[in-house]
Amino acid sequence: MEEEIFELKAVILKMFAQPTRLKILECLRRGEKSIHEIVHAIHGEQSNISQHISLMQKNHIVTTRKDGVRVMVKVKDPEIFNILGRVSKRNCF
């Protein structure tokens, strides 16, 4: 059981180890967004952003839902922003 907890922690921290995923999360800090809105906000490519969102969804960081033809994305647990905030404060960003 303890090993599973360490594995879960490692997976979650890996989600923060990629700049594009961090940009996506920061974009979602202000609430649910469509993939199109995220692409526009972080100046990324739709296919790349979608891949990162899919990976974060698989690892329970974000959730998605369909709204007509749009895919909406939101952070599953807002506590993530506290973690990111602590890292930023710690490193004086």
C-alpha atoms as a PDB file:
ATOM      1  CA  MET A   1       0.000   0.000   0.000  1.00  0.00           C
ATOM      2  CA  GLU A   2       2.782   2.437   0.891  1.00  0.00           C
ATOM      3  CA  GLU A   3       4.489   1.768  -2.450  1.00  0.00           C
ATOM      4  CA  GLU A   4       1.258   2.652  -4.290  1.00  0.00           C
ATOM      5  CA  ILE A   5       1.154   6.009  -2.495  1.00  0.00           C
ATOM      6  CA  PHE A   6       4.699   6.807  -3.607  1.00  0.00           C
ATOM      7  CA  GLU A   7       3.835   5.814  -7.171  1.00  0.00           C
ATOM      8  CA  LEU A   8       0.777   8.080  -7.119  1.00  0.00           C
ATOM      9  CA  LYS A   9       2.815  11.001  -5.797  1.00  0.00           C
ATOM     10  CA  ALA A  10       5.416  10.470  -8.519  1.00  0.00           C
ATOM     11  CA  VAL A  11       2.742  10.464 -11.228  1.00  0.00           C
ATOM     12  CA  ILE A  12       1.230  13.696  -9.929  1.00  0.00           C
ATOM     13  CA  LEU A  13       4.610  15.418  -9.714  1.00  0.00           C
ATOM     14  CA  LYS A  14       5.441  14.304 -13.268  1.00  0.00           C
ATOM     15  CA  MET A  15       2.375  16.212 -14.423  1.00  0.00           C
ATOM     16  CA  PHE A  16       4.030  19.398 -13.113  1.00  0.00           C
ATOM     17  CA  ALA A  17       7.373  18.650 -14.774  1.00  0.00           C
ATOM     18  CA  GLN A  18       6.433  19.940 -18.215  1.00  0.00           C
ATOM     19  CA  PRO A  19       6.097  23.652 -19.072  1.00  0.00           C
ATOM     20  CA  THR A  20       3.124  23.238 -21.418  1.00  0.00           C
ATOM     21  CA  ARG A  21       1.136  21.395 -18.754  1.00  0.00           C
ATOM     22  CA  LEU A  22       1.977  24.125 -16.251  1.00  0.00           C
ATOM     23  CA  LYS A  23       0.734  26.745 -18.721  1.00  0.00           C
ATOM     24  CA  ILE A  24      -2.492  24.795 -19.188  1.00  0.00           C
ATOM     25  CA  LEU A  25      -3.003  24.559 -15.434  1.00  0.00           C
ATOM     26  CA  GLU A  26      -2.355  28.278 -14.984  1.00  0.00           C
ATOM     27  CA  CYS A  27      -4.885  28.990 -17.729  1.00  0.00           C
ATOM     28  CA  LEU A  28      -7.417  26.829 -15.873  1.00  0.00           C
ATOM     29  CA  ARG A  29      -6.782  28.671 -12.602  1.00  0.00           C
ATOM     30  CA  ARG A  30      -9.506  31.126 -13.639  1.00  0.00           C
ATOM     31  CA  GLY A  31     -12.009  28.331 -14.249  1.00  0.00           C
ATOM     32  CA  GLU A  32     -13.241  25.940 -16.889  1.00  0.00           C
ATOM     33  CA  LYS A  33     -12.073  26.619 -20.460  1.00  0.00           C
ATOM     34  CA  SER A  34     -12.570  25.029 -23.854  1.00  0.00           C
ATOM     35  CA  ILE A  35      -9.556  23.463 -25.534  1.00  0.00           C
ATOM     36  CA  HIS A  36      -9.820  26.214 -28.155  1.00  0.00           C
ATOM     37  CA  GLU A  37      -9.601  28.891 -25.438  1.00  0.00           C
ATOM     38  CA  ILE A  38      -6.578  27.179 -23.891  1.00  0.00           C
ATOM     39  CA  VAL A  39      -4.812  26.922 -27.258  1.00  0.00           C
ATOM     40  CA  HIS A  40      -5.410  30.624 -27.871  1.00  0.00           C
ATOM     41  CA  ALA A  41      -4.375  31.674 -24.341  1.00  0.00           C
ATOM     42  CA  ILE A  42      -1.053  29.824 -24.292  1.00  0.00           C
ATOM     43  CA  HIS A  43      -0.281  30.146 -28.004  1.00  0.00           C
ATOM     44  CA  GLY A  44       0.061  26.414 -28.507  1.00  0.00           C
ATOM     45  CA  GLU A  45      -0.930  23.916 -31.142  1.00  0.00           C
ATOM     46  CA  GLN A  46      -4.301  22.221 -30.738  1.00  0.00           C
ATOM     47  CA  SER A  47      -2.969  18.670 -31.179  1.00  0.00           C
ATOM     48  CA  ASN A  48      -0.190  19.202 -28.636  1.00  0.00           C
ATOM     49  CA  ILE A  49      -2.512  20.819 -26.072  1.00  0.00           C
ATOM     50  CA  SER A  50      -5.047  18.022 -26.534  1.00  0.00           C
ATOM     51  CA  GLN A  51      -2.359  15.400 -25.871  1.00  0.00           C
ATOM     52  CA  HIS A  52      -1.307  17.106 -22.648  1.00  0.00           C
ATOM     53  CA  ILE A  53      -4.918  17.447 -21.522  1.00  0.00           C
ATOM     54  CA  SER A  54      -5.533  13.775 -22.280  1.00  0.00           C
ATOM     55  CA  LEU A  55      -2.532  12.789 -20.172  1.00  0.00           C
ATOM     56  CA  MET A  56      -3.638  15.013 -17.296  1.00  0.00           C
ATOM     57  CA  GLN A  57      -7.154  13.587 -17.525  1.00  0.00           C
ATOM     58  CA  LYS A  58      -5.798  10.034 -17.444  1.00  0.00           C
ATOM     59  CA  ASN A  59      -3.887  10.957 -14.278  1.00  0.00           C
ATOM     60  CA  HIS A  60      -6.914  12.625 -12.614  1.00  0.00           C
ATOM     61  CA  ILE A  61      -5.526  16.159 -12.722  1.00  0.00           C
ATOM     62  CA  VAL A  62      -8.260  17.571 -14.984  1.00  0.00           C
ATOM     63  CA  THR A  63     -11.732  16.557 -16.084  1.00  0.00           C
ATOM     64  CA  THR A  64     -13.349  17.152 -19.446  1.00  0.00           C
ATOM     65  CA  ARG A  65     -16.899  17.333 -20.723  1.00  0.00           C
ATOM     66  CA  LYS A  66     -18.534  17.926 -24.082  1.00  0.00           C
ATOM     67  CA  ASP A  67     -20.494  21.121 -24.628  1.00  0.00           C
ATOM     68  CA  GLY A  68     -21.887  20.740 -28.123  1.00  0.00           C
ATOM     69  CA  VAL A  69     -18.819  20.460 -30.329  1.00  0.00           C
ATOM     70  CA  ARG A  70     -16.503  21.993 -27.726  1.00  0.00           C
ATOM     71  CA  VAL A  71     -14.508  20.039 -25.163  1.00  0.00           C
ATOM     72  CA  MET A  72     -14.444  21.852 -21.841  1.00  0.00           C
ATOM     73  CA  VAL A  73     -11.603  21.314 -19.378  1.00  0.00           C
ATOM     74  CA  LYS A  74     -11.334  22.065 -15.673  1.00  0.00           C
ATOM     75  CA  VAL A  75      -9.019  21.171 -12.825  1.00  0.00           C
ATOM     76  CA  LYS A  76     -10.348  18.262 -10.807  1.00  0.00           C
ATOM     77  CA  ASP A  77      -9.003  19.471  -7.448  1.00  0.00           C
ATOM     78  CA  PRO A  78      -8.228  23.177  -6.938  1.00  0.00           C
ATOM     79  CA  GLU A  79      -5.675  22.189  -4.265  1.00  0.00           C
ATOM     80  CA  ILE A  80      -3.282  21.838  -7.211  1.00  0.00           C
ATOM     81  CA  PHE A  81      -3.080  25.629  -7.341  1.00  0.00           C
ATOM     82  CA  ASN A  82      -1.898  25.736  -3.722  1.00  0.00           C
ATOM     83  CA  ILE A  83       0.887  23.302  -4.603  1.00  0.00           C
ATOM     84  CA  LEU A  84       1.900  25.379  -7.626  1.00  0.00           C
ATOM     85  CA  GLY A  85       1.733  28.530  -5.525  1.00  0.00           C
ATOM     86  CA  ARG A  86       4.066  27.067  -2.924  1.00  0.00           C
ATOM     87  CA  VAL A  87       6.608  26.172  -5.594  1.00  0.00           C
ATOM     88  CA  SER A  88       6.434  29.702  -7.026  1.00  0.00           C
ATOM     89  CA  LYS A  89       6.840  31.355  -3.617  1.00  0.00           C
ATOM     90  CA  ARG A  90       9.667  29.033  -2.669  1.00  0.00           C
ATOM     91  CA  ASN A  91      11.631  29.928  -5.795  1.00  0.00           C
ATOM     92  CA  CYS A  92      10.786  33.648  -5.725  1.00  0.00           C
ATOM     93  CA  PHE A  93       9.010  33.654  -9.105  1.00  0.00           C
END
